[in-house]
Amino acid sequence: MIGDNLTLGIIIAAALADSVNPCVFGVLIFLLAFLTRILKNRNQMLAGGLWYSAVVYAAYLALGFGILHAAIALEVATAFYWIIAFIAIIAGLIEIKDFFWYGRGFTLQMIPGGAERLKFYTQKIEQLEERYPIASFFAIGLLGIFVVLVELPCTGAPYFAVLALLAQGEYSSAVPYLLLYNFIFVLPLLAIIGIVYIGKGEGVEKWRIRYRGAMRLATGLFLVALGLYMVYSLYPIF
């Protein structure tokens, strides 16, 4: 059984905080514009977007299983729990800061150089598509794995917090929770792909820019609350 510290509500809220993130939206909008440019029609763009989302789901899920298994197998679940609790609080405060002073000072963002590498890889895939269309489709999947890794500093705090909570219980009991978490994580990706497919994608980037501060604030408040809850669950005051 998973410990009492974890509820379905926490899983859903953390997954939403992880997915509704300016980093995720910004990269996805860039990639959809790229897919629309290199693929021949909307159906191919849809297929490419769904393939990308499936790879992101699988890669994020595999990463979660790997971290969870290591924490339990190495018997460091409690230490991992404490570390992630404080990381969640600090990450939350940084996100809240960005609501008031967006992008100023230290901020949660891609691994340094990630954006430049992403642009470089998309250019290479575009060249590949001209000669080997099928190979470029698989390259889009590899791009999804790359994005998952470089986005972790920006998006990973809610996921790590959930993994720390799950590590307090049995590995087998955590499996359905991780499946659910990652499904919720990719839902906004699927929604944006659908919006672009029906030809209504022009306003998505404007929406992201307009509400990116609010997204940061919501994520920050949730992370601080979750981190404090994790600390309280070990040392309740009342």
Foldseek 3Di string as FASTA:
>chain_A
DFDPLDDLVLLLLLLLLLQLALQNLVVLLVVLVLLVVQDDALVSSLVLLVLLLVLLLVLVLVVLLVVLCCCQVVVVLVVLLLVLLVVLLVLLVQLLVCLVVNPPDDHQAFDPPLVVVLVVLSVVLSVVCVPPVVVSSVSSSVSSNSSSRRNCSPRVSSSSNVSSSRSNDDSVVCVVSSSVSSVSNSVVSSVQSVCVSVPNNPCSVVVSVVCNSVSSNSSSVSSSVSSVSSVCVVPPPD
